[in-house]
Amino acid sequence: MKSLRCFLLLFCCLSSSYSVSSAEEATAIKKQPNVLLICIDDLRPELRSFGAEYIHSPNIDALAATGRAFHHHFVQAPTCGASRYTLLTGQYGPAGNGALFQRA
């Protein structure tokens, strides 16, 4: 009887330590980067974060200071929708899928 109690106590201790370690592993796996993508279509480089001094935009400047701002970028289509489509899906926008001239 005493050996059965010892066995059950040992089993409970081992199973609880396994559940704690598996919970720690599960939380470690779920950590992913936090990504916020802001697409501003017709802004041009007239913000303080891009070097201009005559427009006051503290919130956008704070985002640009702590994140990534693309200073030298190019697009493959003259319209905004096709450029955003290509950026978000990874597919070429004007290649016959209706992203450039959907209603033409």
C-alpha atoms as a PDB file:
ATOM      1  CA  MET A   1       0.000   0.000   0.000  1.00  0.00           C
ATOM      2  CA  LYS A   2       2.825   2.366   0.849  1.00  0.00           C
ATOM      3  CA  SER A   3       4.567   1.647  -2.449  1.00  0.00           C
ATOM      4  CA  LEU A   4       1.323   2.413  -4.311  1.00  0.00           C
ATOM      5  CA  ARG A   5       1.109   5.828  -2.614  1.00  0.00           C
ATOM      6  CA  CYS A   6       4.731   6.553  -3.471  1.00  0.00           C
ATOM      7  CA  PHE A   7       4.115   5.533  -7.064  1.00  0.00           C
ATOM      8  CA  LEU A   8       1.002   7.751  -7.323  1.00  0.00           C
ATOM      9  CA  LEU A   9       2.840  10.682  -5.756  1.00  0.00           C
ATOM     10  CA  LEU A  10       5.736  10.249  -8.161  1.00  0.00           C
ATOM     11  CA  PHE A  11       3.343   9.952 -11.103  1.00  0.00           C
ATOM     12  CA  CYS A  12       1.502  13.157 -10.095  1.00  0.00           C
ATOM     13  CA  CYS A  13       4.748  15.091  -9.715  1.00  0.00           C
ATOM     14  CA  LEU A  14       6.073  13.958 -13.073  1.00  0.00           C
ATOM     15  CA  SER A  15       2.827  14.614 -14.925  1.00  0.00           C
ATOM     16  CA  SER A  16       2.472  18.108 -13.445  1.00  0.00           C
ATOM     17  CA  SER A  17       6.048  19.021 -14.368  1.00  0.00           C
ATOM     18  CA  TYR A  18       5.417  17.797 -17.919  1.00  0.00           C
ATOM     19  CA  SER A  19       2.277  19.931 -18.249  1.00  0.00           C
ATOM     20  CA  VAL A  20       4.129  23.038 -17.011  1.00  0.00           C
ATOM     21  CA  SER A  21       6.981  22.544 -19.466  1.00  0.00           C
ATOM     22  CA  SER A  22       4.607  21.894 -22.382  1.00  0.00           C
ATOM     23  CA  ALA A  23       2.662  25.073 -21.520  1.00  0.00           C
ATOM     24  CA  GLU A  24       5.902  27.088 -21.567  1.00  0.00           C
ATOM     25  CA  GLU A  25       6.811  25.619 -24.947  1.00  0.00           C
ATOM     26  CA  ALA A  26       3.364  26.466 -26.331  1.00  0.00           C
ATOM     27  CA  THR A  27       3.673  30.113 -25.293  1.00  0.00           C
ATOM     28  CA  ALA A  28       7.194  30.296 -26.715  1.00  0.00           C
ATOM     29  CA  ILE A  29       6.001  29.039 -30.095  1.00  0.00           C
ATOM     30  CA  LYS A  30       3.097  31.512 -30.333  1.00  0.00           C
ATOM     31  CA  LYS A  31       5.321  34.609 -30.151  1.00  0.00           C
ATOM     32  CA  GLN A  32       5.188  36.169 -33.604  1.00  0.00           C
ATOM     33  CA  PRO A  33       6.229  39.600 -34.802  1.00  0.00           C
ATOM     34  CA  ASN A  34       3.651  42.342 -34.551  1.00  0.00           C
ATOM     35  CA  VAL A  35       3.302  43.876 -38.022  1.00  0.00           C
ATOM     36  CA  LEU A  36       1.329  47.010 -38.856  1.00  0.00           C
ATOM     37  CA  LEU A  37       1.295  47.955 -42.536  1.00  0.00           C
ATOM     38  CA  ILE A  38       0.150  51.482 -43.353  1.00  0.00           C
ATOM     39  CA  CYS A  39      -0.286  52.287 -47.038  1.00  0.00           C
ATOM     40  CA  ILE A  40      -0.667  55.980 -47.801  1.00  0.00           C
ATOM     41  CA  ASP A  41      -1.301  56.374 -51.506  1.00  0.00           C
ATOM     42  CA  ASP A  42      -0.773  59.963 -52.604  1.00  0.00           C
ATOM     43  CA  LEU A  43       1.305  61.376 -49.774  1.00  0.00           C
ATOM     44  CA  ARG A  44       4.596  62.136 -51.481  1.00  0.00           C
ATOM     45  CA  PRO A  45       7.639  62.830 -49.278  1.00  0.00           C
ATOM     46  CA  GLU A  46       6.177  65.882 -47.542  1.00  0.00           C
ATOM     47  CA  LEU A  47       6.360  64.664 -43.951  1.00  0.00           C
ATOM     48  CA  ARG A  48       8.976  65.437 -41.348  1.00  0.00           C
ATOM     49  CA  SER A  49      10.005  61.773 -41.249  1.00  0.00           C
ATOM     50  CA  PHE A  50      10.968  62.060 -44.928  1.00  0.00           C
ATOM     51  CA  GLY A  51      12.906  65.299 -44.478  1.00  0.00           C
ATOM     52  CA  ALA A  52      10.348  68.078 -45.025  1.00  0.00           C
ATOM     53  CA  GLU A  53       9.953  70.678 -42.287  1.00  0.00           C
ATOM     54  CA  TYR A  54       6.689  72.427 -43.165  1.00  0.00           C
ATOM     55  CA  ILE A  55       4.123  69.716 -42.286  1.00  0.00           C
ATOM     56  CA  HIS A  56       3.541  68.862 -38.626  1.00  0.00           C
ATOM     57  CA  SER A  57       2.611  65.164 -38.219  1.00  0.00           C
ATOM     58  CA  PRO A  58       3.872  63.901 -34.844  1.00  0.00           C
ATOM     59  CA  ASN A  59       2.026  60.561 -34.857  1.00  0.00           C
ATOM     60  CA  ILE A  60       3.218  59.461 -38.292  1.00  0.00           C
ATOM     61  CA  ASP A  61       6.722  60.702 -37.456  1.00  0.00           C
ATOM     62  CA  ALA A  62       6.734  58.618 -34.253  1.00  0.00           C
ATOM     63  CA  LEU A  63       5.634  55.532 -36.193  1.00  0.00           C
ATOM     64  CA  ALA A  64       8.341  56.121 -38.791  1.00  0.00           C
ATOM     65  CA  ALA A  65      10.986  56.608 -36.092  1.00  0.00           C
ATOM     66  CA  THR A  66      10.217  53.303 -34.364  1.00  0.00           C
ATOM     67  CA  GLY A  67       9.417  51.233 -37.447  1.00  0.00           C
ATOM     68  CA  ARG A  68      10.463  50.889 -41.055  1.00  0.00           C
ATOM     69  CA  ALA A  69       9.951  53.634 -43.604  1.00  0.00           C
ATOM     70  CA  PHE A  70      10.677  52.990 -47.265  1.00  0.00           C
ATOM     71  CA  HIS A  71      12.539  55.978 -48.679  1.00  0.00           C
ATOM     72  CA  HIS A  72      13.527  54.555 -52.078  1.00  0.00           C
ATOM     73  CA  HIS A  73      10.707  52.481 -53.498  1.00  0.00           C
ATOM     74  CA  PHE A  74       9.107  51.987 -56.881  1.00  0.00           C
ATOM     75  CA  VAL A  75       5.807  50.557 -58.100  1.00  0.00           C
ATOM     76  CA  GLN A  76       4.987  48.580 -61.203  1.00  0.00           C
ATOM     77  CA  ALA A  77       1.587  50.173 -61.898  1.00  0.00           C
ATOM     78  CA  PRO A  78       0.469  53.816 -62.060  1.00  0.00           C
ATOM     79  CA  THR A  79      -2.670  53.224 -59.975  1.00  0.00           C
ATOM     80  CA  CYS A  80      -2.737  52.717 -56.220  1.00  0.00           C
ATOM     81  CA  GLY A  81      -4.949  49.623 -56.137  1.00  0.00           C
ATOM     82  CA  ALA A  82      -2.681  47.496 -58.307  1.00  0.00           C
ATOM     83  CA  SER A  83       0.366  48.469 -56.265  1.00  0.00           C
ATOM     84  CA  ARG A  84      -1.339  47.541 -52.986  1.00  0.00           C
ATOM     85  CA  TYR A  85      -2.577  44.287 -54.543  1.00  0.00           C
ATOM     86  CA  THR A  86       0.968  43.320 -55.507  1.00  0.00           C
ATOM     87  CA  LEU A  87       2.365  44.233 -52.088  1.00  0.00           C
ATOM     88  CA  LEU A  88      -0.252  42.294 -50.124  1.00  0.00           C
ATOM     89  CA  THR A  89      -0.601  39.172 -52.310  1.00  0.00           C
ATOM     90  CA  GLY A  90       2.821  38.843 -53.907  1.00  0.00           C
ATOM     91  CA  GLN A  91       1.248  38.534 -57.367  1.00  0.00           C
ATOM     92  CA  TYR A  92       1.839  40.879 -60.261  1.00  0.00           C
ATOM     93  CA  GLY A  93      -1.178  43.193 -60.365  1.00  0.00           C
ATOM     94  CA  PRO A  94      -1.637  44.141 -64.037  1.00  0.00           C
ATOM     95  CA  ALA A  95      -1.140  40.581 -65.328  1.00  0.00           C
ATOM     96  CA  GLY A  96      -4.730  39.974 -66.411  1.00  0.00           C
ATOM     97  CA  ASN A  97      -6.304  39.414 -63.006  1.00  0.00           C
ATOM     98  CA  GLY A  98      -8.391  42.599 -63.017  1.00  0.00           C
ATOM     99  CA  ALA A  99      -6.473  44.494 -60.344  1.00  0.00           C
ATOM    100  CA  LEU A 100      -5.548  47.369 -62.661  1.00  0.00           C
ATOM    101  CA  PHE A 101      -8.539  47.741 -64.986  1.00  0.00           C
ATOM    102  CA  GLN A 102     -11.337  45.931 -63.210  1.00  0.00           C
ATOM    103  CA  ARG A 103     -14.209  48.001 -64.618  1.00  0.00           C
ATOM    104  CA  ALA A 104     -12.693  49.155 -67.892  1.00  0.00           C
END
